[in-house]
Amino acid sequence: MDRLEYSQEELLTSVTYDEPLVAAGVRCHGGFVGGQYRSPRSVGRGPAIAAWQAQLARRGVPLIEVAPELVPPHYPNAAQAALLLREGVREHNIYRWAGLLLSELERIPETPATPEPAAWEKK
């Protein structure tokens, strides 16, 4: 049987890159090993995901596919990023932004209605 439990360290460990991924002079996440791009924190995730998927298959549970139209747009988009840069925001830590957003959302009472995907698009 496949192993199904992994430590946080195992799931967050990155490989040692031969060279970093640099775009327009900015170091991005991930890097190259043997000329192939490798995502960060991917050492243990591949085996873990494969094991979890295999367990679902053994149970007869199909993987679900999320329709692209249900996925909200990327944040920030190009126009928003340009505005942030013009205003002097240089921090690009999306996890910090997400944490701030979630802490603010926590204060908003739940509403029973779920907006349609079209509502996510800027009008």
PDB file of N, CA and C in Angstrom:
ATOM      1  N   MET A   1       0.842  -1.182   0.000  1.00  0.00           N
ATOM      2  CA  MET A   1       0.000   0.000   0.000  1.00  0.00           C
ATOM      3  C   MET A   1       0.885   1.242   0.000  1.00  0.00           C
ATOM      4  N   ASP A   2       0.454   2.258  -0.733  1.00  0.00           N
ATOM      5  CA  ASP A   2       1.215   3.506  -0.807  1.00  0.00           C
ATOM      6  C   ASP A   2       1.163   4.264   0.515  1.00  0.00           C
ATOM      7  N   ARG A   3       2.230   4.926   0.793  1.00  0.00           N
ATOM      8  CA  ARG A   3       2.299   5.785   1.978  1.00  0.00           C
ATOM      9  C   ARG A   3       1.374   6.982   1.770  1.00  0.00           C
ATOM     10  N   LEU A   4       0.569   7.344   2.782  1.00  0.00           N
ATOM     11  CA  LEU A   4      -0.408   8.420   2.633  1.00  0.00           C
ATOM     12  C   LEU A   4      -0.170   9.600   3.559  1.00  0.00           C
ATOM     13  N   GLU A   5       0.766   9.473   4.475  1.00  0.00           N
ATOM     14  CA  GLU A   5       1.039  10.570   5.403  1.00  0.00           C
ATOM     15  C   GLU A   5       2.450  11.090   5.186  1.00  0.00           C
ATOM     16  N   TYR A   6       2.564  12.430   5.137  1.00  0.00           N
ATOM     17  CA  TYR A   6       3.835  13.098   4.896  1.00  0.00           C
ATOM     18  C   TYR A   6       3.964  14.252   5.872  1.00  0.00           C
ATOM     19  N   SER A   7       5.181  14.530   6.284  1.00  0.00           N
ATOM     20  CA  SER A   7       5.412  15.654   7.193  1.00  0.00           C
ATOM     21  C   SER A   7       5.379  16.957   6.404  1.00  0.00           C
ATOM     22  N   GLN A   8       5.212  18.033   7.134  1.00  0.00           N
ATOM     23  CA  GLN A   8       5.230  19.355   6.505  1.00  0.00           C
ATOM     24  C   GLN A   8       6.571  19.582   5.802  1.00  0.00           C
ATOM     25  N   GLU A   9       7.651  19.166   6.462  1.00  0.00           N
ATOM     26  CA  GLU A   9       8.979  19.336   5.870  1.00  0.00           C
ATOM     27  C   GLU A   9       9.087  18.594   4.535  1.00  0.00           C
ATOM     28  N   GLU A  10       8.559  17.375   4.493  1.00  0.00           N
ATOM     29  CA  GLU A  10       8.612  16.604   3.247  1.00  0.00           C
ATOM     30  C   GLU A  10       7.839  17.294   2.128  1.00  0.00           C
ATOM     31  N   LEU A  11       6.698  17.875   2.464  1.00  0.00           N
ATOM     32  CA  LEU A  11       5.862  18.507   1.437  1.00  0.00           C
ATOM     33  C   LEU A  11       6.373  19.881   1.005  1.00  0.00           C
ATOM     34  N   LEU A  12       7.234  20.487   1.809  1.00  0.00           N
ATOM     35  CA  LEU A  12       7.723  21.833   1.497  1.00  0.00           C
ATOM     36  C   LEU A  12       9.171  21.878   1.035  1.00  0.00           C
ATOM     37  N   THR A  13       9.823  20.719   0.930  1.00  0.00           N
ATOM     38  CA  THR A  13      11.234  20.675   0.553  1.00  0.00           C
ATOM     39  C   THR A  13      11.413  20.861  -0.951  1.00  0.00           C
ATOM     40  N   SER A  14      12.360  21.727  -1.309  1.00  0.00           N
ATOM     41  CA  SER A  14      12.698  21.963  -2.716  1.00  0.00           C
ATOM     42  C   SER A  14      13.998  21.247  -3.063  1.00  0.00           C
ATOM     43  N   VAL A  15      14.168  20.975  -4.329  1.00  0.00           N
ATOM     44  CA  VAL A  15      15.434  20.410  -4.793  1.00  0.00           C
ATOM     45  C   VAL A  15      16.483  21.515  -4.789  1.00  0.00           C
ATOM     46  N   THR A  16      17.738  21.127  -4.875  1.00  0.00           N
ATOM     47  CA  THR A  16      18.809  22.102  -5.049  1.00  0.00           C
ATOM     48  C   THR A  16      18.913  22.376  -6.545  1.00  0.00           C
ATOM     49  N   TYR A  17      18.697  23.613  -6.927  1.00  0.00           N
ATOM     50  CA  TYR A  17      18.674  23.973  -8.341  1.00  0.00           C
ATOM     51  C   TYR A  17      20.079  24.165  -8.891  1.00  0.00           C
ATOM     52  N   ASP A  18      20.269  23.726 -10.153  1.00  0.00           N
ATOM     53  CA  ASP A  18      21.527  24.006 -10.845  1.00  0.00           C
ATOM     54  C   ASP A  18      21.611  25.489 -11.165  1.00  0.00           C
ATOM     55  N   GLU A  19      20.464  26.061 -11.528  1.00  0.00           N
ATOM     56  CA  GLU A  19      20.403  27.492 -11.806  1.00  0.00           C
ATOM     57  C   GLU A  19      18.985  27.990 -11.513  1.00  0.00           C
ATOM     58  N   PRO A  20      18.878  29.245 -11.065  1.00  0.00           N
ATOM     59  CA  PRO A  20      17.558  29.782 -10.732  1.00  0.00           C
ATOM     60  C   PRO A  20      16.783  30.163 -11.989  1.00  0.00           C
ATOM     61  N   LEU A  21      15.494  30.350 -11.830  1.00  0.00           N
ATOM     62  CA  LEU A  21      14.655  30.869 -12.896  1.00  0.00           C
ATOM     63  C   LEU A  21      14.666  32.389 -12.768  1.00  0.00           C
ATOM     64  N   VAL A  22      15.173  33.066 -13.789  1.00  0.00           N
ATOM     65  CA  VAL A  22      15.243  34.525 -13.787  1.00  0.00           C
ATOM     66  C   VAL A  22      14.524  35.020 -15.028  1.00  0.00           C
ATOM     67  N   ALA A  23      13.566  35.943 -14.826  1.00  0.00           N
ATOM     68  CA  ALA A  23      12.813  36.530 -15.939  1.00  0.00           C
ATOM     69  C   ALA A  23      12.913  38.044 -15.834  1.00  0.00           C
ATOM     70  N   ALA A  24      13.390  38.671 -16.893  1.00  0.00           N
ATOM     71  CA  ALA A  24      13.539  40.136 -16.929  1.00  0.00           C
ATOM     72  C   ALA A  24      14.351  40.636 -15.740  1.00  0.00           C
ATOM     73  N   GLY A  25      15.366  39.883 -15.358  1.00  0.00           N
ATOM     74  CA  GLY A  25      16.233  40.285 -14.269  1.00  0.00           C
ATOM     75  C   GLY A  25      15.682  40.020 -12.876  1.00  0.00           C
ATOM     76  N   VAL A  26      14.505  39.412 -12.780  1.00  0.00           N
ATOM     77  CA  VAL A  26      13.889  39.136 -11.485  1.00  0.00           C
ATOM     78  C   VAL A  26      13.938  37.639 -11.220  1.00  0.00           C
ATOM     79  N   ARG A  27      14.476  37.267 -10.045  1.00  0.00           N
ATOM     80  CA  ARG A  27      14.514  35.851  -9.688  1.00  0.00           C
ATOM     81  C   ARG A  27      13.109  35.408  -9.328  1.00  0.00           C
ATOM     82  N   CYS A  28      12.651  34.379  -9.986  1.00  0.00           N
ATOM     83  CA  CYS A  28      11.316  33.839  -9.767  1.00  0.00           C
ATOM     84  C   CYS A  28      11.415  32.557  -8.950  1.00  0.00           C
ATOM     85  N   HIS A  29      10.274  32.017  -8.560  1.00  0.00           N
ATOM     86  CA  HIS A  29      10.301  30.775  -7.793  1.00  0.00           C
ATOM     87  C   HIS A  29      10.663  29.617  -8.713  1.00  0.00           C
ATOM     88  N   GLY A  30      11.196  28.578  -8.114  1.00  0.00           N
ATOM     89  CA  GLY A  30      11.604  27.428  -8.914  1.00  0.00           C
ATOM     90  C   GLY A  30      12.973  27.638  -9.528  1.00  0.00           C
ATOM     91  N   GLY A  31      13.369  26.664 -10.337  1.00  0.00           N
ATOM     92  CA  GLY A  31      14.660  26.746 -10.992  1.00  0.00           C
ATOM     93  C   GLY A  31      14.857  25.554 -11.902  1.00  0.00           C
ATOM     94  N   PHE A  32      16.082  25.380 -12.368  1.00  0.00           N
ATOM     95  CA  PHE A  32      16.375  24.336 -13.344  1.00  0.00           C
ATOM     96  C   PHE A  32      17.333  23.301 -12.769  1.00  0.00           C
ATOM     97  N   VAL A  33      17.030  22.052 -13.054  1.00  0.00           N
ATOM     98  CA  VAL A  33      17.885  20.930 -12.692  1.00  0.00           C
ATOM     99  C   VAL A  33      18.086  20.134 -13.967  1.00  0.00           C
ATOM    100  N   GLY A  34      19.335  20.011 -14.398  1.00  0.00           N
ATOM    101  CA  GLY A  34      19.608  19.287 -15.639  1.00  0.00           C
ATOM    102  C   GLY A  34      18.888  19.889 -16.840  1.00  0.00           C
ATOM    103  N   GLY A  35      18.697  21.207 -16.815  1.00  0.00           N
ATOM    104  CA  GLY A  35      18.039  21.892 -17.925  1.00  0.00           C
ATOM    105  C   GLY A  35      16.516  21.827 -17.895  1.00  0.00           C
ATOM    106  N   GLN A  36      15.943  21.128 -16.912  1.00  0.00           N
ATOM    107  CA  GLN A  36      14.488  21.001 -16.797  1.00  0.00           C
ATOM    108  C   GLN A  36      13.985  21.870 -15.642  1.00  0.00           C
ATOM    109  N   TYR A  37      12.883  22.586 -15.879  1.00  0.00           N
ATOM    110  CA  TYR A  37      12.300  23.407 -14.817  1.00  0.00           C
ATOM    111  C   TYR A  37      11.737  22.513 -13.713  1.00  0.00           C
ATOM    112  N   ARG A  38      11.975  22.890 -12.471  1.00  0.00           N
ATOM    113  CA  ARG A  38      11.404  22.188 -11.307  1.00  0.00           C
ATOM    114  C   ARG A  38      10.706  23.216 -10.432  1.00  0.00           C
ATOM    115  N   SER A  39       9.480  22.930 -10.075  1.00  0.00           N
ATOM    116  CA  SER A  39       8.724  23.798  -9.176  1.00  0.00           C
ATOM    117  C   SER A  39       9.347  23.766  -7.798  1.00  0.00           C
ATOM    118  N   PRO A  40       9.145  24.844  -7.025  1.00  0.00           N
ATOM    119  CA  PRO A  40       9.623  24.807  -5.642  1.00  0.00           C
ATOM    120  C   PRO A  40       8.789  23.841  -4.820  1.00  0.00           C
ATOM    121  N   ARG A  41       9.355  23.389  -3.735  1.00  0.00           N
ATOM    122  CA  ARG A  41       8.656  22.503  -2.798  1.00  0.00           C
ATOM    123  C   ARG A  41       8.071  21.275  -3.488  1.00  0.00           C
ATOM    124  N   SER A  42       8.845  20.686  -4.401  1.00  0.00           N
ATOM    125  CA  SER A  42       8.300  19.566  -5.182  1.00  0.00           C
ATOM    126  C   SER A  42       8.939  18.212  -4.875  1.00  0.00           C
ATOM    127  N   VAL A  43       9.855  18.154  -3.929  1.00  0.00           N
ATOM    128  CA  VAL A  43      10.534  16.888  -3.640  1.00  0.00           C
ATOM    129  C   VAL A  43       9.535  15.831  -3.169  1.00  0.00           C
ATOM    130  N   GLY A  44       8.737  16.142  -2.173  1.00  0.00           N
ATOM    131  CA  GLY A  44       7.805  15.164  -1.629  1.00  0.00           C
ATOM    132  C   GLY A  44       6.399  15.244  -2.195  1.00  0.00           C
ATOM    133  N   ARG A  45       6.081  16.347  -2.847  1.00  0.00           N
ATOM    134  CA  ARG A  45       4.706  16.510  -3.322  1.00  0.00           C
ATOM    135  C   ARG A  45       4.328  15.542  -4.431  1.00  0.00           C
ATOM    136  N   GLY A  46       5.241  15.289  -5.359  1.00  0.00           N
ATOM    137  CA  GLY A  46       4.925  14.367  -6.451  1.00  0.00           C
ATOM    138  C   GLY A  46       4.533  12.992  -5.944  1.00  0.00           C
ATOM    139  N   PRO A  47       5.375  12.371  -5.112  1.00  0.00           N
ATOM    140  CA  PRO A  47       5.010  11.059  -4.571  1.00  0.00           C
ATOM    141  C   PRO A  47       3.741  11.107  -3.715  1.00  0.00           C
ATOM    142  N   ALA A  48       3.558  12.177  -2.938  1.00  0.00           N
ATOM    143  CA  ALA A  48       2.367  12.284  -2.086  1.00  0.00           C
ATOM    144  C   ALA A  48       1.105  12.379  -2.939  1.00  0.00           C
ATOM    145  N   ILE A  49       1.125  13.230  -3.942  1.00  0.00           N
ATOM    146  CA  ILE A  49      -0.055  13.390  -4.801  1.00  0.00           C
ATOM    147  C   ILE A  49      -0.358  12.086  -5.532  1.00  0.00           C
ATOM    148  N   ALA A  50       0.674  11.418  -6.029  1.00  0.00           N
ATOM    149  CA  ALA A  50       0.465  10.142  -6.728  1.00  0.00           C
ATOM    150  C   ALA A  50      -0.161   9.112  -5.784  1.00  0.00           C
ATOM    151  N   ALA A  51       0.300   9.069  -4.530  1.00  0.00           N
ATOM    152  CA  ALA A  51      -0.243   8.115  -3.559  1.00  0.00           C
ATOM    153  C   ALA A  51      -1.692   8.442  -3.220  1.00  0.00           C
ATOM    154  N   TRP A  52      -1.992   9.721  -3.046  1.00  0.00           N
ATOM    155  CA  TRP A  52      -3.370  10.123  -2.724  1.00  0.00           C
ATOM    156  C   TRP A  52      -4.309   9.807  -3.893  1.00  0.00           C
ATOM    157  N   GLN A  53      -3.835  10.070  -5.111  1.00  0.00           N
ATOM    158  CA  GLN A  53      -4.660   9.768  -6.292  1.00  0.00           C
ATOM    159  C   GLN A  53      -4.877   8.255  -6.431  1.00  0.00           C
ATOM    160  N   ALA A  54      -3.839   7.474  -6.160  1.00  0.00           N
ATOM    161  CA  ALA A  54      -3.965   6.008  -6.242  1.00  0.00           C
ATOM    162  C   ALA A  54      -4.974   5.500  -5.220  1.00  0.00           C
ATOM    163  N   GLN A  55      -4.960   6.080  -4.019  1.00  0.00           N
ATOM    164  CA  GLN A  55      -5.927   5.667  -2.999  1.00  0.00           C
ATOM    165  C   GLN A  55      -7.353   5.967  -3.469  1.00  0.00           C
ATOM    166  N   LEU A  56      -7.561   7.125  -4.058  1.00  0.00           N
ATOM    167  CA  LEU A  56      -8.895   7.462  -4.567  1.00  0.00           C
ATOM    168  C   LEU A  56      -9.311   6.478  -5.657  1.00  0.00           C
ATOM    169  N   ALA A  57      -8.382   6.138  -6.549  1.00  0.00           N
ATOM    170  CA  ALA A  57      -8.688   5.191  -7.633  1.00  0.00           C
ATOM    171  C   ALA A  57      -9.063   3.824  -7.065  1.00  0.00           C
ATOM    172  N   ARG A  58      -8.313   3.344  -6.044  1.00  0.00           N
ATOM    173  CA  ARG A  58      -8.638   2.056  -5.418  1.00  0.00           C
ATOM    174  C   ARG A  58     -10.031   2.064  -4.805  1.00  0.00           C
ATOM    175  N   ARG A  59     -10.437   3.219  -4.305  1.00  0.00           N
ATOM    176  CA  ARG A  59     -11.767   3.341  -3.692  1.00  0.00           C
ATOM    177  C   ARG A  59     -12.871   3.582  -4.734  1.00  0.00           C
ATOM    178  N   GLY A  60     -12.458   3.756  -5.986  1.00  0.00           N
ATOM    179  CA  GLY A  60     -13.434   4.019  -7.039  1.00  0.00           C
ATOM    180  C   GLY A  60     -13.930   5.452  -7.059  1.00  0.00           C
ATOM    181  N   VAL A  61     -13.178   6.352  -6.441  1.00  0.00           N
ATOM    182  CA  VAL A  61     -13.565   7.764  -6.399  1.00  0.00           C
ATOM    183  C   VAL A  61     -12.845   8.491  -7.531  1.00  0.00           C
ATOM    184  N   PRO A  62     -13.589   9.036  -8.475  1.00  0.00           N
ATOM    185  CA  PRO A  62     -12.931   9.721  -9.591  1.00  0.00           C
ATOM    186  C   PRO A  62     -12.376  11.082  -9.160  1.00  0.00           C
ATOM    187  N   LEU A  63     -11.303  11.482  -9.819  1.00  0.00           N
ATOM    188  CA  LEU A  63     -10.800  12.842  -9.608  1.00  0.00           C
ATOM    189  C   LEU A  63     -11.794  13.793 -10.253  1.00  0.00           C
ATOM    190  N   ILE A  64     -11.970  14.944  -9.653  1.00  0.00           N
ATOM    191  CA  ILE A  64     -12.880  15.914 -10.250  1.00  0.00           C
ATOM    192  C   ILE A  64     -12.072  16.955 -11.015  1.00  0.00           C
ATOM    193  N   GLU A  65     -12.671  17.459 -12.041  1.00  0.00           N
ATOM    194  CA  GLU A  65     -12.023  18.505 -12.826  1.00  0.00           C
ATOM    195  C   GLU A  65     -12.798  19.790 -12.617  1.00  0.00           C
ATOM    196  N   VAL A  66     -12.093  20.844 -12.255  1.00  0.00           N
ATOM    197  CA  VAL A  66     -12.732  22.133 -12.057  1.00  0.00           C
ATOM    198  C   VAL A  66     -12.762  22.847 -13.404  1.00  0.00           C
ATOM    199  N   ALA A  67     -13.955  23.217 -13.823  1.00  0.00           N
ATOM    200  CA  ALA A  67     -14.116  23.906 -15.103  1.00  0.00           C
ATOM    201  C   ALA A  67     -13.404  25.252 -15.057  1.00  0.00           C
ATOM    202  N   PRO A  68     -12.661  25.603 -16.104  1.00  0.00           N
ATOM    203  CA  PRO A  68     -11.914  26.864 -16.111  1.00  0.00           C
ATOM    204  C   PRO A  68     -12.778  28.086 -15.808  1.00  0.00           C
ATOM    205  N   GLU A  69     -14.041  28.065 -16.240  1.00  0.00           N
ATOM    206  CA  GLU A  69     -14.887  29.245 -16.003  1.00  0.00           C
ATOM    207  C   GLU A  69     -15.251  29.424 -14.530  1.00  0.00           C
ATOM    208  N   LEU A  70     -14.989  28.409 -13.704  1.00  0.00           N
ATOM    209  CA  LEU A  70     -15.256  28.523 -12.268  1.00  0.00           C
ATOM    210  C   LEU A  70     -14.056  29.047 -11.489  1.00  0.00           C
ATOM    211  N   VAL A  71     -12.914  29.163 -12.146  1.00  0.00           N
ATOM    212  CA  VAL A  71     -11.701  29.632 -11.485  1.00  0.00           C
ATOM    213  C   VAL A  71     -11.635  31.151 -11.622  1.00  0.00           C
ATOM    214  N   PRO A  72     -11.568  31.864 -10.487  1.00  0.00           N
ATOM    215  CA  PRO A  72     -11.495  33.322 -10.577  1.00  0.00           C
ATOM    216  C   PRO A  72     -10.210  33.759 -11.271  1.00  0.00           C
ATOM    217  N   PRO A  73     -10.194  34.959 -11.815  1.00  0.00           N
ATOM    218  CA  PRO A  73      -8.997  35.436 -12.532  1.00  0.00           C
ATOM    219  C   PRO A  73      -7.802  35.568 -11.589  1.00  0.00           C
ATOM    220  N   HIS A  74      -6.615  35.567 -12.181  1.00  0.00           N
ATOM    221  CA  HIS A  74      -5.389  35.722 -11.393  1.00  0.00           C
ATOM    222  C   HIS A  74      -5.351  37.095 -10.748  1.00  0.00           C
ATOM    223  N   TYR A  75      -4.754  37.142  -9.564  1.00  0.00           N
ATOM    224  CA  TYR A  75      -4.599  38.410  -8.870  1.00  0.00           C
ATOM    225  C   TYR A  75      -3.143  38.594  -8.504  1.00  0.00           C
ATOM    226  N   PRO A  76      -2.565  39.726  -8.695  1.00  0.00           N
ATOM    227  CA  PRO A  76      -3.139  40.845  -9.438  1.00  0.00           C
ATOM    228  C   PRO A  76      -3.000  40.618 -10.932  1.00  0.00           C
ATOM    229  N   ASN A  77      -3.925  41.179 -11.705  1.00  0.00           N
ATOM    230  CA  ASN A  77      -3.782  41.097 -13.156  1.00  0.00           C
ATOM    231  C   ASN A  77      -2.744  42.134 -13.585  1.00  0.00           C
ATOM    232  N   ALA A  78      -2.457  42.207 -14.862  1.00  0.00           N
ATOM    233  CA  ALA A  78      -1.384  43.093 -15.340  1.00  0.00           C
ATOM    234  C   ALA A  78      -1.656  44.551 -14.998  1.00  0.00           C
ATOM    235  N   ALA A  79      -2.892  44.999 -15.180  1.00  0.00           N
ATOM    236  CA  ALA A  79      -3.221  46.403 -14.883  1.00  0.00           C
ATOM    237  C   ALA A  79      -3.090  46.687 -13.385  1.00  0.00           C
ATOM    238  N   GLN A  80      -3.544  45.746 -12.545  1.00  0.00           N
ATOM    239  CA  GLN A  80      -3.434  45.936 -11.099  1.00  0.00           C
ATOM    240  C   GLN A  80      -1.974  45.948 -10.666  1.00  0.00           C
ATOM    241  N   ALA A  81      -1.176  45.059 -11.249  1.00  0.00           N
ATOM    242  CA  ALA A  81       0.252  45.011 -10.907  1.00  0.00           C
ATOM    243  C   ALA A  81       0.934  46.316 -11.286  1.00  0.00           C
ATOM    244  N   ALA A  82       0.598  46.862 -12.460  1.00  0.00           N
ATOM    245  CA  ALA A  82       1.181  48.138 -12.893  1.00  0.00           C
ATOM    246  C   ALA A  82       0.805  49.252 -11.919  1.00  0.00           C
ATOM    247  N   LEU A  83      -0.450  49.295 -11.485  1.00  0.00           N
ATOM    248  CA  LEU A  83      -0.889  50.301 -10.519  1.00  0.00           C
ATOM    249  C   LEU A  83      -0.124  50.157  -9.209  1.00  0.00           C
ATOM    250  N   LEU A  84       0.004  48.923  -8.708  1.00  0.00           N
ATOM    251  CA  LEU A  84       0.727  48.701  -7.461  1.00  0.00           C
ATOM    252  C   LEU A  84       2.174  49.189  -7.577  1.00  0.00           C
ATOM    253  N   LEU A  85       2.810  48.906  -8.702  1.00  0.00           N
ATOM    254  CA  LEU A  85       4.195  49.343  -8.901  1.00  0.00           C
ATOM    255  C   LEU A  85       4.288  50.868  -8.977  1.00  0.00           C
ATOM    256  N   ARG A  86       3.336  51.499  -9.703  1.00  0.00           N
ATOM    257  CA  ARG A  86       3.325  52.970  -9.789  1.00  0.00           C
ATOM    258  C   ARG A  86       3.157  53.600  -8.410  1.00  0.00           C
ATOM    259  N   GLU A  87       2.390  52.938  -7.546  1.00  0.00           N
ATOM    260  CA  GLU A  87       2.133  53.458  -6.206  1.00  0.00           C
ATOM    261  C   GLU A  87       3.224  53.083  -5.202  1.00  0.00           C
ATOM    262  N   GLY A  88       4.253  52.406  -5.686  1.00  0.00           N
ATOM    263  CA  GLY A  88       5.395  52.111  -4.833  1.00  0.00           C
ATOM    264  C   GLY A  88       5.343  50.791  -4.088  1.00  0.00           C
ATOM    265  N   VAL A  89       4.357  49.962  -4.374  1.00  0.00           N
ATOM    266  CA  VAL A  89       4.276  48.657  -3.708  1.00  0.00           C
ATOM    267  C   VAL A  89       5.285  47.731  -4.376  1.00  0.00           C
ATOM    268  N   ARG A  90       6.281  47.334  -3.638  1.00  0.00           N
ATOM    269  CA  ARG A  90       7.319  46.468  -4.192  1.00  0.00           C
ATOM    270  C   ARG A  90       7.247  45.056  -3.616  1.00  0.00           C
ATOM    271  N   GLU A  91       6.455  44.896  -2.572  1.00  0.00           N
ATOM    272  CA  GLU A  91       6.341  43.581  -1.947  1.00  0.00           C
ATOM    273  C   GLU A  91       5.528  42.671  -2.854  1.00  0.00           C
ATOM    274  N   HIS A  92       6.059  41.523  -3.156  1.00  0.00           N
ATOM    275  CA  HIS A  92       5.355  40.584  -4.030  1.00  0.00           C
ATOM    276  C   HIS A  92       5.107  39.264  -3.312  1.00  0.00           C
ATOM    277  N   ASN A  93       4.768  39.367  -2.042  1.00  0.00           N
ATOM    278  CA  ASN A  93       4.486  38.174  -1.264  1.00  0.00           C
ATOM    279  C   ASN A  93       2.986  37.919  -1.271  1.00  0.00           C
ATOM    280  N   ILE A  94       2.526  37.127  -2.209  1.00  0.00           N
ATOM    281  CA  ILE A  94       1.100  36.854  -2.360  1.00  0.00           C
ATOM    282  C   ILE A  94       0.531  36.174  -1.129  1.00  0.00           C
ATOM    283  N   TYR A  95       1.359  35.421  -0.390  1.00  0.00           N
ATOM    284  CA  TYR A  95       0.871  34.750   0.801  1.00  0.00           C
ATOM    285  C   TYR A  95       0.508  35.772   1.880  1.00  0.00           C
ATOM    286  N   ARG A  96       1.290  36.826   1.999  1.00  0.00           N
ATOM    287  CA  ARG A  96       0.966  37.877   2.977  1.00  0.00           C
ATOM    288  C   ARG A  96      -0.321  38.568   2.562  1.00  0.00           C
ATOM    289  N   TRP A  97      -0.438  38.901   1.267  1.00  0.00           N
ATOM    290  CA  TRP A  97      -1.664  39.550   0.778  1.00  0.00           C
ATOM    291  C   TRP A  97      -2.867  38.650   1.041  1.00  0.00           C
ATOM    292  N   ALA A  98      -2.718  37.367   0.752  1.00  0.00           N
ATOM    293  CA  ALA A  98      -3.829  36.430   0.949  1.00  0.00           C
ATOM    294  C   ALA A  98      -4.209  36.364   2.424  1.00  0.00           C
ATOM    295  N   GLY A  99      -3.221  36.370   3.301  1.00  0.00           N
ATOM    296  CA  GLY A  99      -3.508  36.347   4.733  1.00  0.00           C
ATOM    297  C   GLY A  99      -4.272  37.580   5.172  1.00  0.00           C
ATOM    298  N   LEU A 100      -3.870  38.737   4.661  1.00  0.00           N
ATOM    299  CA  LEU A 100      -4.586  39.963   4.995  1.00  0.00           C
ATOM    300  C   LEU A 100      -6.016  39.915   4.468  1.00  0.00           C
ATOM    301  N   LEU A 101      -6.171  39.431   3.252  1.00  0.00           N
ATOM    302  CA  LEU A 101      -7.501  39.319   2.664  1.00  0.00           C
ATOM    303  C   LEU A 101      -8.377  38.383   3.481  1.00  0.00           C
ATOM    304  N   LEU A 102      -7.834  37.222   3.842  1.00  0.00           N
ATOM    305  CA  LEU A 102      -8.620  36.261   4.609  1.00  0.00           C
ATOM    306  C   LEU A 102      -9.015  36.818   5.969  1.00  0.00           C
ATOM    307  N   SER A 103      -8.119  37.576   6.606  1.00  0.00           N
ATOM    308  CA  SER A 103      -8.467  38.140   7.911  1.00  0.00           C
ATOM    309  C   SER A 103      -9.581  39.165   7.769  1.00  0.00           C
ATOM    310  N   GLU A 104      -9.610  39.896   6.656  1.00  0.00           N
ATOM    311  CA  GLU A 104     -10.700  40.846   6.421  1.00  0.00           C
ATOM    312  C   GLU A 104     -11.991  40.115   6.070  1.00  0.00           C
ATOM    313  N   LEU A 105     -11.897  39.071   5.264  1.00  0.00           N
ATOM    314  CA  LEU A 105     -13.082  38.317   4.878  1.00  0.00           C
ATOM    315  C   LEU A 105     -13.749  37.649   6.068  1.00  0.00           C
ATOM    316  N   GLU A 106     -12.939  37.319   7.054  1.00  0.00           N
ATOM    317  CA  GLU A 106     -13.462  36.665   8.252  1.00  0.00           C
ATOM    318  C   GLU A 106     -14.508  37.527   8.950  1.00  0.00           C
ATOM    319  N   ARG A 107     -14.407  38.855   8.775  1.00  0.00           N
ATOM    320  CA  ARG A 107     -15.332  39.775   9.430  1.00  0.00           C
ATOM    321  C   ARG A 107     -16.645  39.946   8.672  1.00  0.00           C
ATOM    322  N   ILE A 108     -16.698  39.501   7.434  1.00  0.00           N
ATOM    323  CA  ILE A 108     -17.895  39.663   6.617  1.00  0.00           C
ATOM    324  C   ILE A 108     -18.837  38.501   6.888  1.00  0.00           C
ATOM    325  N   PRO A 109     -20.111  38.792   7.202  1.00  0.00           N
ATOM    326  CA  PRO A 109     -21.033  37.685   7.449  1.00  0.00           C
ATOM    327  C   PRO A 109     -21.284  36.875   6.179  1.00  0.00           C
ATOM    328  N   GLU A 110     -21.509  35.584   6.363  1.00  0.00           N
ATOM    329  CA  GLU A 110     -21.765  34.711   5.216  1.00  0.00           C
ATOM    330  C   GLU A 110     -23.099  35.061   4.584  1.00  0.00           C
ATOM    331  N   THR A 111     -23.150  34.940   3.273  1.00  0.00           N
ATOM    332  CA  THR A 111     -24.402  35.124   2.546  1.00  0.00           C
ATOM    333  C   THR A 111     -24.738  33.798   1.892  1.00  0.00           C
ATOM    334  N   PRO A 112     -26.004  33.446   1.805  1.00  0.00           N
ATOM    335  CA  PRO A 112     -26.358  32.147   1.241  1.00  0.00           C
ATOM    336  C   PRO A 112     -26.133  32.043  -0.261  1.00  0.00           C
ATOM    337  N   ALA A 113     -26.145  33.150  -0.963  1.00  0.00           N
ATOM    338  CA  ALA A 113     -26.031  33.104  -2.423  1.00  0.00           C
ATOM    339  C   ALA A 113     -24.573  33.024  -2.849  1.00  0.00           C
ATOM    340  N   THR A 114     -24.306  32.210  -3.854  1.00  0.00           N
ATOM    341  CA  THR A 114     -22.980  32.112  -4.453  1.00  0.00           C
ATOM    342  C   THR A 114     -23.004  32.876  -5.771  1.00  0.00           C
ATOM    343  N   PRO A 115     -22.085  33.818  -5.965  1.00  0.00           N
ATOM    344  CA  PRO A 115     -22.109  34.579  -7.212  1.00  0.00           C
ATOM    345  C   PRO A 115     -21.801  33.695  -8.411  1.00  0.00           C
ATOM    346  N   GLU A 116     -22.397  34.031  -9.508  1.00  0.00           N
ATOM    347  CA  GLU A 116     -22.125  33.327 -10.755  1.00  0.00           C
ATOM    348  C   GLU A 116     -20.714  33.677 -11.211  1.00  0.00           C
ATOM    349  N   PRO A 117     -20.045  32.787 -11.958  1.00  0.00           N
ATOM    350  CA  PRO A 117     -18.680  33.091 -12.424  1.00  0.00           C
ATOM    351  C   PRO A 117     -18.594  34.408 -13.167  1.00  0.00           C
ATOM    352  N   ALA A 118     -19.641  34.795 -13.899  1.00  0.00           N
ATOM    353  CA  ALA A 118     -19.610  36.044 -14.649  1.00  0.00           C
ATOM    354  C   ALA A 118     -19.466  37.244 -13.697  1.00  0.00           C
ATOM    355  N   ALA A 119     -19.889  37.099 -12.465  1.00  0.00           N
ATOM    356  CA  ALA A 119     -19.798  38.196 -11.502  1.00  0.00           C
ATOM    357  C   ALA A 119     -18.344  38.492 -11.132  1.00  0.00           C
ATOM    358  N   TRP A 120     -17.440  37.534 -11.372  1.00  0.00           N
ATOM    359  CA  TRP A 120     -16.031  37.749 -11.057  1.00  0.00           C
ATOM    360  C   TRP A 120     -15.365  38.649 -12.087  1.00  0.00           C
ATOM    361  N   GLU A 121     -15.926  38.747 -13.248  1.00  0.00           N
ATOM    362  CA  GLU A 121     -15.306  39.520 -14.313  1.00  0.00           C
ATOM    363  C   GLU A 121     -15.568  40.996 -14.107  1.00  0.00           C
ATOM    364  N   LYS A 122     -14.562  41.804 -14.409  1.00  0.00           N
ATOM    365  CA  LYS A 122     -14.706  43.240 -14.301  1.00  0.00           C
ATOM    366  C   LYS A 122     -15.623  43.736 -15.397  1.00  0.00           C
ATOM    367  N   LYS A 123     -16.550  44.565 -15.025  1.00  0.00           N
ATOM    368  CA  LYS A 123     -17.502  45.088 -16.033  1.00  0.00           C
ATOM    369  C   LYS A 123     -17.059  46.413 -16.537  1.00  0.00           C
TER     370      LYS A 123
END
